[in-house]
């Protein structure tokens, strides 16, 4: 049974991962320093945290379930205690992309991130329908990056990823640079920003007199059908009126050079802000 040290085990992400790891074939050594996190570990998972040294002794896999801003500090704090051939699993591209991981040639760095359950899915059970983050009941895709280490370690890292993000329907292999294009680039800079604008737009029509529930129903329903057509989940085309509204709306809402957010310098700047 491989030993896996889970840092940040009592945090929000650590608890998500811990629930899946608890029923896995990994021998989990949870590490947590906050009083609140320690209490959660005991109450919800029945785990008692161990100190960092005990967790790392004999651990072939180390998962850093800590905030992006802490990954560099934690990684530098443990790197000298890692055994040769150990794998460090990071859950986001930001810190690796920014160069915050310590240099050590005889260990593996593996980066993985969930895609989260898609809007268009085939879930029928209510527990799965309500699992919007993933990792509980709803199927999701994941992305995996072997940043450093022997090629044979990819399968070992992907096995960890499939365990912590389960249930998994697809696994995509990317580079760290490609993952950074997806997040923060695509998912946060573009999608989250546009969704935030959509919420502001809904609030604006409410301010102008539309009943809030009517505005919400209208917006979310149109997001469903318009999204299905745009992403070809459903055959169909927009009406001439809708196409004319798009032709008018995009220049008003979007700068001509908005795709610059995917340029390497912009991705680097975004990650610098995050980390």
Protein backbone atom coordinates (compact mmCIF):
# COMPACT_ATOMS: atom_id res chain seq x y z
CA UNK A 1 0.00 0.00 0.00
CA UNK A 2 1.77 3.22 -1.16
CA UNK A 3 2.19 5.88 1.49
CA UNK A 4 0.76 9.30 0.59
CA UNK A 5 1.41 12.42 2.67
CA UNK A 6 -1.46 14.90 2.40
CA UNK A 7 -0.48 18.45 3.37
CA UNK A 8 -3.33 20.78 4.21
CA UNK A 9 -5.49 17.75 4.96
CA UNK A 10 -7.97 19.67 7.12
CA UNK A 11 -8.52 22.52 4.67
CA UNK A 12 -11.37 22.83 2.20
CA UNK A 13 -9.50 21.12 -0.62
CA UNK A 14 -7.73 18.67 1.66
CA UNK A 15 -11.04 17.46 3.05
CA UNK A 16 -12.44 16.96 -0.47
CA UNK A 17 -9.45 14.84 -1.40
CA UNK A 18 -9.40 13.07 1.95
CA UNK A 19 -12.91 11.72 1.52
CA UNK A 20 -11.84 9.91 -1.65
CA UNK A 21 -8.44 8.89 -0.30
CA UNK A 22 -10.01 7.40 2.83
CA UNK A 23 -11.52 4.56 0.79
CA UNK A 24 -8.51 4.18 -1.53
CA UNK A 25 -5.52 1.86 -1.57
CA UNK A 26 -3.20 4.60 -0.32
CA UNK A 27 -1.85 4.76 3.22
CA UNK A 28 -2.63 8.40 4.00
CA UNK A 29 -0.54 10.47 6.41
CA UNK A 30 -2.52 13.70 6.95
CA UNK A 31 -0.66 16.89 7.86
CA UNK A 32 -2.58 19.87 9.25
CA UNK A 33 -1.52 22.79 11.44
CA UNK A 34 -4.69 24.82 12.08
CA UNK A 35 -6.89 24.03 15.07
CA UNK A 36 -10.01 24.24 12.92
CA UNK A 37 -8.54 21.87 10.35
CA UNK A 38 -7.45 19.40 13.00
CA UNK A 39 -10.97 19.35 14.42
CA UNK A 40 -12.48 18.75 10.95
CA UNK A 41 -10.11 15.87 10.27
CA UNK A 42 -11.11 14.08 13.45
CA UNK A 43 -14.83 14.83 13.30
CA UNK A 44 -15.43 14.17 9.59
CA UNK A 45 -12.76 11.65 8.55
CA UNK A 46 -11.74 10.08 11.84
CA UNK A 47 -8.10 10.95 11.15
CA UNK A 48 -5.46 12.18 13.55
CA UNK A 49 -2.90 14.46 11.93
CA UNK A 50 0.80 13.64 12.08
CA UNK A 51 3.78 15.97 11.97
CA UNK A 52 5.53 16.72 8.70
CA UNK A 53 8.57 14.55 9.43
CA UNK A 54 6.49 11.49 10.25
CA UNK A 55 4.33 12.02 7.18
CA UNK A 56 7.28 12.28 4.81
CA UNK A 57 9.15 9.27 6.15
CA UNK A 58 8.63 6.51 3.59
CA UNK A 59 6.13 8.56 1.59
CA UNK A 60 6.41 7.96 -2.13
CA UNK A 61 3.72 10.55 -2.90
CA UNK A 62 3.19 14.00 -1.38
CA UNK A 63 0.03 15.95 -2.22
CA UNK A 64 0.08 19.69 -1.51
CA UNK A 65 -3.55 20.66 -0.85
CA UNK A 66 -2.57 24.15 0.26
CA UNK A 67 -3.33 27.63 -1.19
CA UNK A 68 -1.38 28.77 -4.25
CA UNK A 69 0.32 31.45 -2.16
CA UNK A 70 1.67 28.80 0.25
CA UNK A 71 2.82 26.11 -2.19
CA UNK A 72 6.31 27.55 -2.70
CA UNK A 73 6.90 27.96 1.02
CA UNK A 74 5.62 24.48 1.86
CA UNK A 75 7.54 22.84 -0.99
CA UNK A 76 10.81 24.52 0.01
CA UNK A 77 10.19 23.50 3.61
CA UNK A 78 9.89 19.80 2.82
CA UNK A 79 12.11 19.30 -0.23
CA UNK A 80 15.18 18.20 1.74
CA UNK A 81 13.12 15.54 3.55
CA UNK A 82 11.75 13.92 0.41
CA UNK A 83 13.10 10.51 -0.49
CA UNK A 84 14.69 10.08 -3.94
CA UNK A 85 12.02 9.19 -6.47
CA UNK A 86 9.22 10.76 -4.43
CA UNK A 87 6.40 12.42 -6.33
CA UNK A 88 5.05 15.83 -5.34
CA UNK A 89 1.50 16.42 -6.59
CA UNK A 90 0.36 20.02 -7.04
CA UNK A 91 -3.30 20.81 -7.68
CA UNK A 92 -2.95 23.94 -9.81
CA UNK A 93 -0.56 25.26 -12.46
CA UNK A 94 0.03 28.68 -10.89
CA UNK A 95 2.94 27.99 -8.53
CA UNK A 96 4.71 25.52 -10.87
CA UNK A 97 4.33 27.92 -13.82
CA UNK A 98 5.68 30.79 -11.74
CA UNK A 99 8.80 28.82 -10.82
CA UNK A 100 8.01 28.57 -7.11
CA UNK A 101 8.96 24.88 -6.79
CA UNK A 102 12.42 24.08 -5.43
CA UNK A 103 15.05 22.57 -7.70
CA UNK A 104 15.75 18.93 -7.08
CA UNK A 105 16.42 16.57 -9.96
CA UNK A 106 15.70 13.23 -8.33
CA UNK A 107 12.02 13.83 -7.50
CA UNK A 108 8.91 14.08 -9.68
CA UNK A 109 6.58 17.05 -9.98
CA UNK A 110 3.08 16.17 -11.15
CA UNK A 111 0.34 18.78 -11.64
CA UNK A 112 -3.36 17.89 -11.86
CA UNK A 113 -6.61 19.84 -11.83
CA UNK A 114 -10.30 18.95 -12.17
CA UNK A 115 -12.38 20.17 -15.10
CA UNK A 116 -15.46 19.97 -12.82
CA UNK A 117 -18.72 18.29 -13.89
CA UNK A 118 -19.91 19.79 -17.20
CA UNK A 119 -23.11 21.79 -17.61
CA UNK A 120 -24.26 19.35 -20.28
CA UNK A 121 -24.13 15.92 -18.68
CA UNK A 122 -26.13 12.73 -18.33
CA UNK A 123 -26.41 12.61 -14.53
CA UNK A 124 -29.76 11.29 -13.33
CA UNK A 125 -29.26 10.96 -9.57
CA UNK A 126 -29.93 14.07 -7.49
CA UNK A 127 -26.68 13.69 -5.52
CA UNK A 128 -24.75 13.79 -8.80
CA UNK A 129 -26.80 16.68 -10.17
CA UNK A 130 -25.96 18.72 -7.07
CA UNK A 131 -22.25 17.79 -7.10
CA UNK A 132 -21.18 20.84 -9.08
CA UNK A 133 -17.56 20.86 -7.94
CA UNK A 134 -17.01 17.15 -8.55
CA UNK A 135 -15.21 14.52 -6.53
CA UNK A 136 -18.36 13.19 -4.86
CA UNK A 137 -20.91 11.70 -7.22
CA UNK A 138 -20.81 13.55 -10.55
CA UNK A 139 -18.50 12.40 -13.33
CA UNK A 140 -15.87 14.87 -14.44
CA UNK A 141 -12.85 15.10 -16.70
CA UNK A 142 -9.41 15.94 -15.32
CA UNK A 143 -6.13 17.28 -16.67
CA UNK A 144 -2.68 15.96 -15.74
CA UNK A 145 0.86 17.24 -16.34
CA UNK A 146 4.14 15.43 -15.78
CA UNK A 147 6.22 18.53 -15.13
CA UNK A 148 9.40 16.75 -14.07
CA UNK A 149 10.35 13.10 -13.66
CA UNK A 150 10.63 9.86 -15.62
CA UNK A 151 7.95 9.08 -18.20
CA UNK A 152 6.97 6.01 -16.22
CA UNK A 153 5.79 8.30 -13.41
CA UNK A 154 2.95 9.69 -15.52
CA UNK A 155 0.81 6.61 -14.89
CA UNK A 156 1.59 6.80 -11.16
CA UNK A 157 0.54 10.43 -11.00
CA UNK A 158 -2.58 9.90 -13.09
CA UNK A 159 -3.64 7.10 -10.74
CA UNK A 160 -3.46 9.55 -7.82
CA UNK A 161 -5.42 12.12 -9.83
CA UNK A 162 -8.14 9.63 -10.75
CA UNK A 163 -8.45 8.75 -7.07
CA UNK A 164 -8.68 12.25 -5.63
CA UNK A 165 -11.01 13.59 -8.33
CA UNK A 166 -13.22 10.49 -8.66
CA UNK A 167 -15.48 9.68 -10.40
CA UNK A 168 -13.48 10.51 -13.54
CA UNK A 169 -14.83 10.07 -17.06
CA UNK A 170 -11.83 11.37 -19.05
CA UNK A 171 -8.22 12.25 -18.30
CA UNK A 172 -6.32 14.68 -20.54
CA UNK A 173 -2.54 14.94 -20.64
CA UNK A 174 -1.25 18.51 -20.92
CA UNK A 175 1.88 20.53 -20.28
CA UNK A 176 1.99 22.99 -17.40
CA UNK A 177 1.99 25.81 -19.96
CA UNK A 178 -1.19 24.45 -21.56
CA UNK A 179 -2.86 24.13 -18.18
CA UNK A 180 -1.98 27.76 -17.43
CA UNK A 181 -3.79 28.75 -20.64
CA UNK A 182 -6.86 26.95 -19.30
CA UNK A 183 -6.52 28.37 -15.77
CA UNK A 184 -6.21 31.23 -15.09
CA UNK A 185 -6.53 32.13 -18.80
CA UNK A 186 -9.70 30.50 -20.08
CA UNK A 187 -11.57 29.53 -16.91
CA UNK A 188 -10.94 32.55 -14.69
CA UNK A 189 -9.82 35.55 -16.76
CA UNK A 190 -12.39 34.89 -19.50
CA UNK A 191 -15.23 32.69 -18.25
CA UNK A 192 -15.45 33.88 -14.65
CA UNK A 193 -15.21 37.50 -15.77
CA UNK A 194 -17.97 37.10 -18.36
CA UNK A 195 -20.20 35.27 -15.91
CA UNK A 196 -19.66 38.07 -13.40
CA UNK A 197 -20.69 40.55 -16.09
CA UNK A 198 -23.80 38.45 -16.80
CA UNK A 199 -24.77 38.61 -13.14
CA UNK A 200 -24.23 42.38 -13.16
CA UNK A 201 -26.42 42.58 -16.26
CA UNK A 202 -29.17 40.65 -14.50
CA UNK A 203 -28.93 42.98 -11.52
CA UNK A 204 -29.13 45.95 -13.88
CA UNK A 205 -32.40 44.86 -15.51
CA UNK A 206 -33.78 44.22 -12.02
CA UNK A 207 -32.75 47.76 -11.06
CA UNK A 208 -34.66 48.96 -14.12
CA UNK A 209 -37.86 47.29 -12.95
CA UNK A 210 -37.84 43.62 -14.03
CA UNK A 211 -38.86 41.30 -11.13
CA UNK A 212 -35.73 39.52 -9.89
CA UNK A 213 -37.11 35.97 -10.21
CA UNK A 214 -38.28 36.69 -13.75
CA UNK A 215 -34.85 38.04 -14.70
CA UNK A 216 -33.10 35.06 -13.12
CA UNK A 217 -35.38 32.52 -14.82
CA UNK A 218 -34.99 34.27 -18.16
CA UNK A 219 -31.21 34.51 -17.92
CA UNK A 220 -30.52 30.96 -16.73
CA UNK A 221 -32.94 29.46 -19.23
CA UNK A 222 -31.35 31.34 -22.10
CA UNK A 223 -27.87 30.40 -20.90
CA UNK A 224 -28.98 26.78 -21.21
CA UNK A 225 -30.37 26.86 -24.75
CA UNK A 226 -27.93 29.42 -26.17
CA UNK A 227 -25.00 27.51 -24.69
CA UNK A 228 -26.31 24.24 -26.10
CA UNK A 229 -26.44 25.72 -29.60
CA UNK A 230 -23.08 27.52 -29.39
CA UNK A 231 -21.27 24.41 -28.11
CA UNK A 232 -23.16 22.14 -30.54
CA UNK A 233 -24.83 20.10 -27.83
CA UNK A 234 -28.06 20.62 -29.73
CA UNK A 235 -28.65 21.16 -33.47
CA UNK A 236 -29.89 24.59 -34.34
CA UNK A 237 -28.98 28.11 -35.34
CA UNK A 238 -29.72 31.49 -33.85
CA UNK A 239 -32.43 33.71 -35.26
CA UNK A 240 -31.49 36.65 -37.44
CA UNK A 241 -32.45 38.95 -34.59
CA UNK A 242 -30.13 37.13 -32.18
CA UNK A 243 -27.23 37.20 -34.66
CA UNK A 244 -27.71 40.95 -35.14
CA UNK A 245 -27.71 41.44 -31.38
CA UNK A 246 -24.42 39.50 -31.15
CA UNK A 247 -22.85 41.59 -33.92
CA UNK A 248 -23.77 44.72 -31.98
CA UNK A 249 -23.05 43.36 -28.51
CA UNK A 250 -19.55 41.89 -28.86
CA UNK A 251 -17.82 45.15 -29.91
CA UNK A 252 -19.60 46.98 -27.11
CA UNK A 253 -18.69 44.43 -24.45
CA UNK A 254 -15.28 43.18 -25.65
CA UNK A 255 -12.10 45.00 -26.64
CA UNK A 256 -10.77 44.17 -30.08
CA UNK A 257 -7.55 42.76 -28.55
CA UNK A 258 -9.22 40.73 -25.78
CA UNK A 259 -7.47 37.51 -26.87
CA UNK A 260 -4.26 39.05 -25.60
CA UNK A 261 -5.15 37.51 -22.22
CA UNK A 262 -3.69 34.27 -23.62
CA UNK A 263 -0.30 35.74 -24.49
CA UNK A 264 2.55 34.33 -22.35
CA UNK A 265 3.31 37.68 -20.71
CA UNK A 266 -0.35 38.16 -19.74
CA UNK A 267 -0.62 34.61 -18.37
CA UNK A 268 2.58 35.18 -16.39
CA UNK A 269 1.26 38.47 -15.02
CA UNK A 270 -2.02 36.85 -14.01
CA UNK A 271 -0.21 34.04 -12.21
CA UNK A 272 2.08 36.53 -10.50
CA UNK A 273 -1.01 38.26 -9.09
CA UNK A 274 -2.41 34.91 -7.92
CA UNK A 275 0.75 33.67 -6.25
